[in-house]
């Protein structure tokens, strides 16, 4: 596969996730859509890391690995942040469900009163 196909795949995943975030009323569906958006970013980061190499790559393996694994490192950080986001999001959803007996986002906006 070429870089363009990976970028298109990442954009499609991000677009599907964005549509889900903007159109869904169920809080768990919104969290799932956020995860799809994160996965689109992950695919793009790894693809760019794989296919874009600096003009001059150093001779030693340690120096070269710093250039070639940057997308992978960003992906690990994104996965870590996504896991924390899901844990916190589910905790908030469970707390809202216990008080309102609903997980709809339209019901959650009434909590500001």
PDB file of N, CA and C in Angstrom:
ATOM      1  N   UNK A   1       0.837  -1.186   0.000  1.00  0.00           N
ATOM      2  CA  UNK A   1       0.000   0.000   0.000  1.00  0.00           C
ATOM      3  C   UNK A   1       0.879   1.245   0.000  1.00  0.00           C
ATOM      4  N   UNK A   2       0.341   2.288  -0.553  1.00  0.00           N
ATOM      5  CA  UNK A   2       1.090   3.533  -0.625  1.00  0.00           C
ATOM      6  C   UNK A   2       0.673   4.465   0.508  1.00  0.00           C
ATOM      7  N   UNK A   3       1.439   5.534   0.661  1.00  0.00           N
ATOM      8  CA  UNK A   3       1.148   6.522   1.695  1.00  0.00           C
ATOM      9  C   UNK A   3      -0.230   7.143   1.481  1.00  0.00           C
ATOM     10  N   UNK A   4      -0.586   7.395   0.236  1.00  0.00           N
ATOM     11  CA  UNK A   4      -1.871   8.026  -0.050  1.00  0.00           C
ATOM     12  C   UNK A   4      -3.037   7.190   0.448  1.00  0.00           C
ATOM     13  N   UNK A   5      -2.950   5.886   0.302  1.00  0.00           N
ATOM     14  CA  UNK A   5      -4.042   5.019   0.750  1.00  0.00           C
ATOM     15  C   UNK A   5      -4.172   5.038   2.276  1.00  0.00           C
ATOM     16  N   UNK A   6      -3.029   5.064   2.963  1.00  0.00           N
ATOM     17  CA  UNK A   6      -3.085   5.140   4.423  1.00  0.00           C
ATOM     18  C   UNK A   6      -3.661   6.480   4.869  1.00  0.00           C
ATOM     19  N   UNK A   7      -3.284   7.559   4.185  1.00  0.00           N
ATOM     20  CA  UNK A   7      -3.829   8.872   4.539  1.00  0.00           C
ATOM     21  C   UNK A   7      -5.325   8.941   4.268  1.00  0.00           C
ATOM     22  N   UNK A   8      -5.767   8.343   3.168  1.00  0.00           N
ATOM     23  CA  UNK A   8      -7.199   8.304   2.866  1.00  0.00           C
ATOM     24  C   UNK A   8      -7.940   7.487   3.917  1.00  0.00           C
ATOM     25  N   UNK A   9      -7.362   6.350   4.311  1.00  0.00           N
ATOM     26  CA  UNK A   9      -7.973   5.526   5.350  1.00  0.00           C
ATOM     27  C   UNK A   9      -8.072   6.293   6.669  1.00  0.00           C
ATOM     28  N   UNK A  10      -7.003   6.986   7.048  1.00  0.00           N
ATOM     29  CA  UNK A  10      -7.032   7.794   8.263  1.00  0.00           C
ATOM     30  C   UNK A  10      -8.072   8.899   8.194  1.00  0.00           C
ATOM     31  N   UNK A  11      -8.193   9.545   7.028  1.00  0.00           N
ATOM     32  CA  UNK A  11      -9.185  10.610   6.871  1.00  0.00           C
ATOM     33  C   UNK A  11     -10.604  10.056   6.929  1.00  0.00           C
ATOM     34  N   UNK A  12     -10.822   8.887   6.339  1.00  0.00           N
ATOM     35  CA  UNK A  12     -12.154   8.273   6.384  1.00  0.00           C
ATOM     36  C   UNK A  12     -12.518   7.905   7.820  1.00  0.00           C
ATOM     37  N   UNK A  13     -11.578   7.303   8.540  1.00  0.00           N
ATOM     38  CA  UNK A  13     -11.841   6.964   9.942  1.00  0.00           C
ATOM     39  C   UNK A  13     -12.137   8.209  10.767  1.00  0.00           C
ATOM     40  N   UNK A  14     -11.348   9.254  10.559  1.00  0.00           N
ATOM     41  CA  UNK A  14     -11.568  10.500  11.294  1.00  0.00           C
ATOM     42  C   UNK A  14     -12.924  11.104  10.941  1.00  0.00           C
ATOM     43  N   UNK A  15     -13.290  11.070   9.668  1.00  0.00           N
ATOM     44  CA  UNK A  15     -14.578  11.611   9.242  1.00  0.00           C
ATOM     45  C   UNK A  15     -15.756  10.844   9.815  1.00  0.00           C
ATOM     46  N   UNK A  16     -15.656   9.503   9.837  1.00  0.00           N
ATOM     47  CA  UNK A  16     -16.716   8.688  10.425  1.00  0.00           C
ATOM     48  C   UNK A  16     -16.848   9.001  11.918  1.00  0.00           C
ATOM     49  N   UNK A  17     -15.715   9.119  12.595  1.00  0.00           N
ATOM     50  CA  UNK A  17     -15.744   9.453  14.014  1.00  0.00           C
ATOM     51  C   UNK A  17     -16.323  10.833  14.271  1.00  0.00           C
ATOM     52  N   UNK A  18     -15.957  11.794  13.447  1.00  0.00           N
ATOM     53  CA  UNK A  18     -16.479  13.155  13.605  1.00  0.00           C
ATOM     54  C   UNK A  18     -17.984  13.189  13.388  1.00  0.00           C
ATOM     55  N   UNK A  19     -18.448  12.465  12.374  1.00  0.00           N
ATOM     56  CA  UNK A  19     -19.894  12.384  12.142  1.00  0.00           C
ATOM     57  C   UNK A  19     -20.601  11.773  13.350  1.00  0.00           C
ATOM     58  N   UNK A  20     -20.017  10.729  13.911  1.00  0.00           N
ATOM     59  CA  UNK A  20     -20.624  10.095  15.078  1.00  0.00           C
ATOM     60  C   UNK A  20     -20.660  11.005  16.289  1.00  0.00           C
ATOM     61  N   UNK A  21     -19.591  11.772  16.502  1.00  0.00           N
ATOM     62  CA  UNK A  21     -19.555  12.689  17.641  1.00  0.00           C
ATOM     63  C   UNK A  21     -20.606  13.787  17.491  1.00  0.00           C
ATOM     64  N   UNK A  22     -20.765  14.284  16.284  1.00  0.00           N
ATOM     65  CA  UNK A  22     -21.686  15.397  16.077  1.00  0.00           C
ATOM     66  C   UNK A  22     -23.142  14.964  15.974  1.00  0.00           C
ATOM     67  N   UNK A  23     -23.413  13.710  15.613  1.00  0.00           N
ATOM     68  CA  UNK A  23     -24.795  13.320  15.350  1.00  0.00           C
ATOM     69  C   UNK A  23     -25.421  12.421  16.409  1.00  0.00           C
ATOM     70  N   UNK A  24     -24.644  11.775  17.241  1.00  0.00           N
ATOM     71  CA  UNK A  24     -25.203  10.817  18.203  1.00  0.00           C
ATOM     72  C   UNK A  24     -25.651  11.514  19.479  1.00  0.00           C
ATOM     73  N   UNK A  25     -26.701  10.978  20.082  1.00  0.00           N
ATOM     74  CA  UNK A  25     -27.190  11.504  21.350  1.00  0.00           C
ATOM     75  C   UNK A  25     -26.808  10.612  22.518  1.00  0.00           C
ATOM     76  N   UNK A  26     -26.458   9.393  22.237  1.00  0.00           N
ATOM     77  CA  UNK A  26     -26.088   8.440  23.274  1.00  0.00           C
ATOM     78  C   UNK A  26     -24.625   8.664  23.649  1.00  0.00           C
ATOM     79  N   UNK A  27     -24.340   8.824  24.925  1.00  0.00           N
ATOM     80  CA  UNK A  27     -22.995   9.192  25.371  1.00  0.00           C
ATOM     81  C   UNK A  27     -21.965   8.109  25.060  1.00  0.00           C
ATOM     82  N   UNK A  28     -22.338   6.856  25.152  1.00  0.00           N
ATOM     83  CA  UNK A  28     -21.387   5.781  24.862  1.00  0.00           C
ATOM     84  C   UNK A  28     -21.064   5.747  23.373  1.00  0.00           C
ATOM     85  N   UNK A  29     -22.038   6.039  22.525  1.00  0.00           N
ATOM     86  CA  UNK A  29     -21.780   6.112  21.085  1.00  0.00           C
ATOM     87  C   UNK A  29     -20.828   7.265  20.762  1.00  0.00           C
ATOM     88  N   UNK A  30     -20.942   8.358  21.496  1.00  0.00           N
ATOM     89  CA  UNK A  30     -20.022   9.485  21.299  1.00  0.00           C
ATOM     90  C   UNK A  30     -18.607   9.082  21.694  1.00  0.00           C
ATOM     91  N   UNK A  31     -18.450   8.351  22.803  1.00  0.00           N
ATOM     92  CA  UNK A  31     -17.121   7.875  23.206  1.00  0.00           C
ATOM     93  C   UNK A  31     -16.536   6.917  22.176  1.00  0.00           C
ATOM     94  N   UNK A  32     -17.384   6.051  21.619  1.00  0.00           N
ATOM     95  CA  UNK A  32     -16.901   5.136  20.579  1.00  0.00           C
ATOM     96  C   UNK A  32     -16.474   5.906  19.331  1.00  0.00           C
ATOM     97  N   UNK A  33     -17.199   6.951  18.998  1.00  0.00           N
ATOM     98  CA  UNK A  33     -16.833   7.772  17.841  1.00  0.00           C
ATOM     99  C   UNK A  33     -15.517   8.509  18.079  1.00  0.00           C
ATOM    100  N   UNK A  34     -15.292   8.949  19.315  1.00  0.00           N
ATOM    101  CA  UNK A  34     -14.008   9.572  19.652  1.00  0.00           C
ATOM    102  C   UNK A  34     -12.858   8.583  19.466  1.00  0.00           C
ATOM    103  N   UNK A  35     -13.091   7.335  19.838  1.00  0.00           N
ATOM    104  CA  UNK A  35     -12.059   6.312  19.659  1.00  0.00           C
ATOM    105  C   UNK A  35     -11.762   6.085  18.176  1.00  0.00           C
ATOM    106  N   UNK A  36     -12.780   6.130  17.348  1.00  0.00           N
ATOM    107  CA  UNK A  36     -12.570   5.986  15.900  1.00  0.00           C
ATOM    108  C   UNK A  36     -11.740   7.154  15.380  1.00  0.00           C
ATOM    109  N   UNK A  37     -12.004   8.354  15.893  1.00  0.00           N
ATOM    110  CA  UNK A  37     -11.201   9.509  15.484  1.00  0.00           C
ATOM    111  C   UNK A  37      -9.747   9.339  15.906  1.00  0.00           C
ATOM    112  N   UNK A  38      -9.518   8.866  17.133  1.00  0.00           N
ATOM    113  CA  UNK A  38      -8.150   8.619  17.590  1.00  0.00           C
ATOM    114  C   UNK A  38      -7.453   7.579  16.719  1.00  0.00           C
ATOM    115  N   UNK A  39      -8.184   6.543  16.307  1.00  0.00           N
ATOM    116  CA  UNK A  39      -7.579   5.519  15.461  1.00  0.00           C
ATOM    117  C   UNK A  39      -7.224   6.073  14.083  1.00  0.00           C
ATOM    118  N   UNK A  40      -8.031   6.989  13.572  1.00  0.00           N
ATOM    119  CA  UNK A  40      -7.685   7.634  12.306  1.00  0.00           C
ATOM    120  C   UNK A  40      -6.394   8.435  12.415  1.00  0.00           C
ATOM    121  N   UNK A  41      -6.222   9.124  13.523  1.00  0.00           N
ATOM    122  CA  UNK A  41      -4.983   9.870  13.765  1.00  0.00           C
ATOM    123  C   UNK A  41      -3.804   8.912  13.919  1.00  0.00           C
ATOM    124  N   UNK A  42      -4.033   7.784  14.597  1.00  0.00           N
ATOM    125  CA  UNK A  42      -2.964   6.793  14.770  1.00  0.00           C
ATOM    126  C   UNK A  42      -2.507   6.221  13.439  1.00  0.00           C
ATOM    127  N   UNK A  43      -3.441   5.876  12.571  1.00  0.00           N
ATOM    128  CA  UNK A  43      -3.081   5.342  11.254  1.00  0.00           C
ATOM    129  C   UNK A  43      -2.272   6.364  10.477  1.00  0.00           C
ATOM    130  N   UNK A  44      -2.680   7.613  10.537  1.00  0.00           N
ATOM    131  CA  UNK A  44      -1.960   8.667   9.822  1.00  0.00           C
ATOM    132  C   UNK A  44      -0.562   8.873  10.389  1.00  0.00           C
ATOM    133  N   UNK A  45      -0.425   8.865  11.703  1.00  0.00           N
ATOM    134  CA  UNK A  45       0.889   9.084  12.326  1.00  0.00           C
ATOM    135  C   UNK A  45       1.858   7.950  11.980  1.00  0.00           C
ATOM    136  N   UNK A  46       1.390   6.721  12.051  1.00  0.00           N
ATOM    137  CA  UNK A  46       2.272   5.597  11.740  1.00  0.00           C
ATOM    138  C   UNK A  46       2.621   5.579  10.253  1.00  0.00           C
ATOM    139  N   UNK A  47       1.666   5.895   9.399  1.00  0.00           N
ATOM    140  CA  UNK A  47       1.943   5.920   7.960  1.00  0.00           C
ATOM    141  C   UNK A  47       2.949   7.011   7.611  1.00  0.00           C
ATOM    142  N   UNK A  48       2.781   8.180   8.192  1.00  0.00           N
ATOM    143  CA  UNK A  48       3.741   9.253   7.919  1.00  0.00           C
ATOM    144  C   UNK A  48       5.124   8.902   8.455  1.00  0.00           C
ATOM    145  N   UNK A  49       5.159   8.234   9.593  1.00  0.00           N
ATOM    146  CA  UNK A  49       6.443   7.815  10.146  1.00  0.00           C
ATOM    147  C   UNK A  49       7.111   6.775   9.251  1.00  0.00           C
ATOM    148  N   UNK A  50       6.309   5.915   8.670  1.00  0.00           N
ATOM    149  CA  UNK A  50       6.866   4.832   7.843  1.00  0.00           C
ATOM    150  C   UNK A  50       7.330   5.333   6.480  1.00  0.00           C
ATOM    151  N   UNK A  51       6.561   6.206   5.865  1.00  0.00           N
ATOM    152  CA  UNK A  51       6.839   6.594   4.486  1.00  0.00           C
ATOM    153  C   UNK A  51       7.641   7.872   4.329  1.00  0.00           C
ATOM    154  N   UNK A  52       7.736   8.681   5.345  1.00  0.00           N
ATOM    155  CA  UNK A  52       8.539   9.894   5.238  1.00  0.00           C
ATOM    156  C   UNK A  52       9.819   9.705   6.031  1.00  0.00           C
ATOM    157  N   UNK A  53      10.915   9.707   5.347  1.00  0.00           N
ATOM    158  CA  UNK A  53      12.230   9.508   5.950  1.00  0.00           C
ATOM    159  C   UNK A  53      13.043  10.766   5.672  1.00  0.00           C
ATOM    160  N   UNK A  54      13.828  11.212   6.632  1.00  0.00           N
ATOM    161  CA  UNK A  54      14.667  12.385   6.382  1.00  0.00           C
ATOM    162  C   UNK A  54      15.605  12.153   5.187  1.00  0.00           C
ATOM    163  N   UNK A  55      16.056  13.252   4.610  1.00  0.00           N
ATOM    164  CA  UNK A  55      16.912  13.164   3.438  1.00  0.00           C
ATOM    165  C   UNK A  55      18.189  12.392   3.754  1.00  0.00           C
ATOM    166  N   UNK A  56      18.775  12.654   4.869  1.00  0.00           N
ATOM    167  CA  UNK A  56      19.973  11.912   5.273  1.00  0.00           C
ATOM    168  C   UNK A  56      19.672  11.158   6.552  1.00  0.00           C
ATOM    169  N   UNK A  57      19.715   9.853   6.476  1.00  0.00           N
ATOM    170  CA  UNK A  57      19.493   9.012   7.647  1.00  0.00           C
ATOM    171  C   UNK A  57      20.856   8.670   8.226  1.00  0.00           C
ATOM    172  N   UNK A  58      21.052   8.858   9.522  1.00  0.00           N
ATOM    173  CA  UNK A  58      22.341   8.548  10.134  1.00  0.00           C
ATOM    174  C   UNK A  58      22.704   7.068   9.978  1.00  0.00           C
ATOM    175  N   UNK A  59      23.999   6.799  10.110  1.00  0.00           N
ATOM    176  CA  UNK A  59      24.501   5.445   9.883  1.00  0.00           C
ATOM    177  C   UNK A  59      24.218   4.507  11.050  1.00  0.00           C
ATOM    178  N   UNK A  60      24.206   5.008  12.243  1.00  0.00           N
ATOM    179  CA  UNK A  60      24.012   4.127  13.393  1.00  0.00           C
ATOM    180  C   UNK A  60      22.528   3.816  13.576  1.00  0.00           C
ATOM    181  N   UNK A  61      22.258   2.644  14.129  1.00  0.00           N
ATOM    182  CA  UNK A  61      20.871   2.206  14.317  1.00  0.00           C
ATOM    183  C   UNK A  61      20.147   3.058  15.354  1.00  0.00           C
ATOM    184  N   UNK A  62      20.832   3.439  16.431  1.00  0.00           N
ATOM    185  CA  UNK A  62      20.197   4.223  17.479  1.00  0.00           C
ATOM    186  C   UNK A  62      19.764   5.592  16.956  1.00  0.00           C
ATOM    187  N   UNK A  63      20.613   6.216  16.176  1.00  0.00           N
ATOM    188  CA  UNK A  63      20.276   7.532  15.633  1.00  0.00           C
ATOM    189  C   UNK A  63      19.166   7.421  14.590  1.00  0.00           C
ATOM    190  N   UNK A  64      19.204   6.361  13.798  1.00  0.00           N
ATOM    191  CA  UNK A  64      18.170   6.186  12.779  1.00  0.00           C
ATOM    192  C   UNK A  64      16.822   5.862  13.402  1.00  0.00           C
ATOM    193  N   UNK A  65      16.821   5.119  14.503  1.00  0.00           N
ATOM    194  CA  UNK A  65      15.547   4.739  15.121  1.00  0.00           C
ATOM    195  C   UNK A  65      14.824   5.952  15.701  1.00  0.00           C
ATOM    196  N   UNK A  66      15.564   6.989  16.090  1.00  0.00           N
ATOM    197  CA  UNK A  66      14.911   8.203  16.576  1.00  0.00           C
ATOM    198  C   UNK A  66      14.103   8.869  15.468  1.00  0.00           C
ATOM    199  N   UNK A  67      14.595   8.795  14.239  1.00  0.00           N
ATOM    200  CA  UNK A  67      13.869   9.404  13.129  1.00  0.00           C
ATOM    201  C   UNK A  67      12.720   8.523  12.654  1.00  0.00           C
ATOM    202  N   UNK A  68      12.903   7.226  12.673  1.00  0.00           N
ATOM    203  CA  UNK A  68      11.941   6.335  12.051  1.00  0.00           C
ATOM    204  C   UNK A  68      10.792   5.926  12.963  1.00  0.00           C
ATOM    205  N   UNK A  69      10.905   6.124  14.260  1.00  0.00           N
ATOM    206  CA  UNK A  69       9.872   5.667  15.181  1.00  0.00           C
ATOM    207  C   UNK A  69       9.068   6.800  15.807  1.00  0.00           C
ATOM    208  N   UNK A  70       9.175   7.995  15.284  1.00  0.00           N
ATOM    209  CA  UNK A  70       8.449   9.109  15.898  1.00  0.00           C
ATOM    210  C   UNK A  70       6.942   8.922  15.803  1.00  0.00           C
ATOM    211  N   UNK A  71       6.432   8.446  14.687  1.00  0.00           N
ATOM    212  CA  UNK A  71       4.993   8.210  14.553  1.00  0.00           C
ATOM    213  C   UNK A  71       4.504   7.131  15.488  1.00  0.00           C
ATOM    214  N   UNK A  72       5.334   6.124  15.686  1.00  0.00           N
ATOM    215  CA  UNK A  72       4.961   5.047  16.595  1.00  0.00           C
ATOM    216  C   UNK A  72       4.906   5.548  18.037  1.00  0.00           C
ATOM    217  N   UNK A  73       5.836   6.408  18.400  1.00  0.00           N
ATOM    218  CA  UNK A  73       5.847   6.960  19.759  1.00  0.00           C
ATOM    219  C   UNK A  73       4.618   7.837  19.979  1.00  0.00           C
ATOM    220  N   UNK A  74       4.282   8.667  19.001  1.00  0.00           N
ATOM    221  CA  UNK A  74       3.072   9.485  19.115  1.00  0.00           C
ATOM    222  C   UNK A  74       1.835   8.603  19.236  1.00  0.00           C
ATOM    223  N   UNK A  75       1.818   7.496  18.505  1.00  0.00           N
ATOM    224  CA  UNK A  75       0.676   6.586  18.564  1.00  0.00           C
ATOM    225  C   UNK A  75       0.533   5.969  19.947  1.00  0.00           C
ATOM    226  N   UNK A  76       1.641   5.598  20.566  1.00  0.00           N
ATOM    227  CA  UNK A  76       1.575   5.045  21.922  1.00  0.00           C
ATOM    228  C   UNK A  76       1.030   6.092  22.893  1.00  0.00           C
ATOM    229  N   UNK A  77       1.454   7.343  22.752  1.00  0.00           N
ATOM    230  CA  UNK A  77       0.918   8.397  23.614  1.00  0.00           C
ATOM    231  C   UNK A  77      -0.572   8.618  23.364  1.00  0.00           C
ATOM    232  N   UNK A  78      -0.999   8.572  22.117  1.00  0.00           N
ATOM    233  CA  UNK A  78      -2.419   8.761  21.797  1.00  0.00           C
ATOM    234  C   UNK A  78      -3.244   7.625  22.376  1.00  0.00           C
ATOM    235  N   UNK A  79      -2.744   6.393  22.283  1.00  0.00           N
ATOM    236  CA  UNK A  79      -3.462   5.255  22.855  1.00  0.00           C
ATOM    237  C   UNK A  79      -3.570   5.396  24.368  1.00  0.00           C
ATOM    238  N   UNK A  80      -2.511   5.878  25.005  1.00  0.00           N
ATOM    239  CA  UNK A  80      -2.536   6.075  26.454  1.00  0.00           C
ATOM    240  C   UNK A  80      -3.556   7.136  26.842  1.00  0.00           C
ATOM    241  N   UNK A  81      -3.568   8.236  26.141  1.00  0.00           N
ATOM    242  CA  UNK A  81      -4.533   9.303  26.421  1.00  0.00           C
ATOM    243  C   UNK A  81      -5.958   8.812  26.144  1.00  0.00           C
ATOM    244  N   UNK A  82      -6.132   8.029  25.088  1.00  0.00           N
ATOM    245  CA  UNK A  82      -7.459   7.505  24.764  1.00  0.00           C
ATOM    246  C   UNK A  82      -7.961   6.565  25.855  1.00  0.00           C
ATOM    247  N   UNK A  83      -7.080   5.747  26.413  1.00  0.00           N
ATOM    248  CA  UNK A  83      -7.483   4.844  27.496  1.00  0.00           C
ATOM    249  C   UNK A  83      -7.907   5.633  28.726  1.00  0.00           C
ATOM    250  N   UNK A  84      -7.162   6.679  29.045  1.00  0.00           N
ATOM    251  CA  UNK A  84      -7.540   7.520  30.187  1.00  0.00           C
ATOM    252  C   UNK A  84      -8.855   8.244  29.917  1.00  0.00           C
ATOM    253  N   UNK A  85      -9.047   8.684  28.692  1.00  0.00           N
ATOM    254  CA  UNK A  85     -10.271   9.382  28.324  1.00  0.00           C
ATOM    255  C   UNK A  85     -11.477   8.464  28.437  1.00  0.00           C
ATOM    256  N   UNK A  86     -11.329   7.224  28.019  1.00  0.00           N
ATOM    257  CA  UNK A  86     -12.439   6.279  28.104  1.00  0.00           C
ATOM    258  C   UNK A  86     -12.763   5.965  29.561  1.00  0.00           C
ATOM    259  N   UNK A  87     -11.750   5.775  30.379  1.00  0.00           N
ATOM    260  CA  UNK A  87     -11.994   5.476  31.787  1.00  0.00           C
ATOM    261  C   UNK A  87     -12.707   6.633  32.471  1.00  0.00           C
ATOM    262  N   UNK A  88     -12.253   7.846  32.237  1.00  0.00           N
ATOM    263  CA  UNK A  88     -12.893   9.011  32.838  1.00  0.00           C
ATOM    264  C   UNK A  88     -14.285   9.234  32.258  1.00  0.00           C
ATOM    265  N   UNK A  89     -14.423   9.059  30.958  1.00  0.00           N
ATOM    266  CA  UNK A  89     -15.725   9.237  30.313  1.00  0.00           C
ATOM    267  C   UNK A  89     -16.758   8.245  30.807  1.00  0.00           C
ATOM    268  N   UNK A  90     -16.362   6.986  30.943  1.00  0.00           N
ATOM    269  CA  UNK A  90     -17.300   5.992  31.453  1.00  0.00           C
ATOM    270  C   UNK A  90     -17.665   6.256  32.908  1.00  0.00           C
ATOM    271  N   UNK A  91     -16.714   6.734  33.695  1.00  0.00           N
ATOM    272  CA  UNK A  91     -17.022   7.080  35.082  1.00  0.00           C
ATOM    273  C   UNK A  91     -18.047   8.212  35.141  1.00  0.00           C
ATOM    274  N   UNK A  92     -17.881   9.206  34.293  1.00  0.00           N
ATOM    275  CA  UNK A  92     -18.840  10.318  34.255  1.00  0.00           C
ATOM    276  C   UNK A  92     -20.203   9.834  33.775  1.00  0.00           C
ATOM    277  N   UNK A  93     -20.214   8.973  32.762  1.00  0.00           N
ATOM    278  CA  UNK A  93     -21.485   8.449  32.244  1.00  0.00           C
ATOM    279  C   UNK A  93     -22.200   7.628  33.307  1.00  0.00           C
ATOM    280  N   UNK A  94     -21.467   6.815  34.049  1.00  0.00           N
ATOM    281  CA  UNK A  94     -22.084   6.018  35.111  1.00  0.00           C
ATOM    282  C   UNK A  94     -22.640   6.929  36.202  1.00  0.00           C
ATOM    283  N   UNK A  95     -21.918   7.983  36.547  1.00  0.00           N
ATOM    284  CA  UNK A  95     -22.406   8.922  37.562  1.00  0.00           C
ATOM    285  C   UNK A  95     -23.675   9.634  37.089  1.00  0.00           C
ATOM    286  N   UNK A  96     -23.714  10.017  35.828  1.00  0.00           N
ATOM    287  CA  UNK A  96     -24.913  10.664  35.286  1.00  0.00           C
ATOM    288  C   UNK A  96     -26.070   9.673  35.242  1.00  0.00           C
ATOM    289  N   UNK A  97     -25.791   8.438  34.884  1.00  0.00           N
ATOM    290  CA  UNK A  97     -26.854   7.433  34.825  1.00  0.00           C
ATOM    291  C   UNK A  97     -27.452   7.172  36.209  1.00  0.00           C
ATOM    292  N   UNK A  98     -26.611   7.183  37.230  1.00  0.00           N
ATOM    293  CA  UNK A  98     -27.117   6.945  38.585  1.00  0.00           C
ATOM    294  C   UNK A  98     -28.038   8.059  39.062  1.00  0.00           C
ATOM    295  N   UNK A  99     -27.786   9.276  38.616  1.00  0.00           N
ATOM    296  CA  UNK A  99     -28.628  10.388  39.063  1.00  0.00           C
ATOM    297  C   UNK A  99     -29.825  10.622  38.154  1.00  0.00           C
ATOM    298  N   UNK A 100     -29.655  10.469  36.849  1.00  0.00           N
ATOM    299  CA  UNK A 100     -30.719  10.796  35.891  1.00  0.00           C
ATOM    300  C   UNK A 100     -31.402   9.584  35.264  1.00  0.00           C
ATOM    301  N   UNK A 101     -30.832   8.386  35.418  1.00  0.00           N
ATOM    302  CA  UNK A 101     -31.346   7.155  34.804  1.00  0.00           C
ATOM    303  C   UNK A 101     -31.405   7.268  33.279  1.00  0.00           C
ATOM    304  N   UNK A 102     -30.447   8.006  32.721  1.00  0.00           N
ATOM    305  CA  UNK A 102     -30.372   8.172  31.275  1.00  0.00           C
ATOM    306  C   UNK A 102     -28.925   8.476  30.896  1.00  0.00           C
ATOM    307  N   UNK A 103     -28.523   8.011  29.705  1.00  0.00           N
ATOM    308  CA  UNK A 103     -27.183   8.314  29.215  1.00  0.00           C
ATOM    309  C   UNK A 103     -27.230   9.167  27.948  1.00  0.00           C
ATOM    310  N   UNK A 104     -28.333   9.835  27.728  1.00  0.00           N
ATOM    311  CA  UNK A 104     -28.442  10.719  26.584  1.00  0.00           C
ATOM    312  C   UNK A 104     -27.753  12.046  26.881  1.00  0.00           C
ATOM    313  N   UNK A 105     -27.081  12.573  25.882  1.00  0.00           N
ATOM    314  CA  UNK A 105     -26.344  13.827  26.059  1.00  0.00           C
ATOM    315  C   UNK A 105     -27.305  14.990  26.301  1.00  0.00           C
ATOM    316  N   UNK A 106     -28.482  14.923  25.713  1.00  0.00           N
ATOM    317  CA  UNK A 106     -29.456  16.009  25.928  1.00  0.00           C
ATOM    318  C   UNK A 106     -29.908  16.069  27.383  1.00  0.00           C
ATOM    319  N   UNK A 107     -29.940  14.922  28.068  1.00  0.00           N
ATOM    320  CA  UNK A 107     -30.285  14.930  29.481  1.00  0.00           C
ATOM    321  C   UNK A 107     -29.120  15.396  30.344  1.00  0.00           C
ATOM    322  N   UNK A 108     -27.908  15.181  29.882  1.00  0.00           N
ATOM    323  CA  UNK A 108     -26.735  15.571  30.657  1.00  0.00           C
ATOM    324  C   UNK A 108     -26.533  17.072  30.687  1.00  0.00           C
ATOM    325  N   UNK A 109     -27.008  17.789  29.693  1.00  0.00           N
ATOM    326  CA  UNK A 109     -26.821  19.239  29.697  1.00  0.00           C
ATOM    327  C   UNK A 109     -27.692  19.916  30.734  1.00  0.00           C
ATOM    328  N   UNK A 110     -28.675  19.218  31.264  1.00  0.00           N
ATOM    329  CA  UNK A 110     -29.496  19.765  32.329  1.00  0.00           C
ATOM    330  C   UNK A 110     -28.769  19.778  33.663  1.00  0.00           C
ATOM    331  N   UNK A 111     -27.616  19.150  33.767  1.00  0.00           N
ATOM    332  CA  UNK A 111     -26.854  19.123  35.014  1.00  0.00           C
ATOM    333  C   UNK A 111     -26.271  20.488  35.363  1.00  0.00           C
ATOM    334  N   UNK A 112     -26.203  21.390  34.413  1.00  0.00           N
ATOM    335  CA  UNK A 112     -25.609  22.694  34.683  1.00  0.00           C
ATOM    336  C   UNK A 112     -26.531  23.580  35.520  1.00  0.00           C
ATOM    337  N   UNK A 113     -27.757  23.214  35.655  1.00  0.00           N
ATOM    338  CA  UNK A 113     -28.700  24.010  36.452  1.00  0.00           C
ATOM    339  C   UNK A 113     -28.533  23.762  37.920  1.00  0.00           C
TER     340      UNK A 113
END
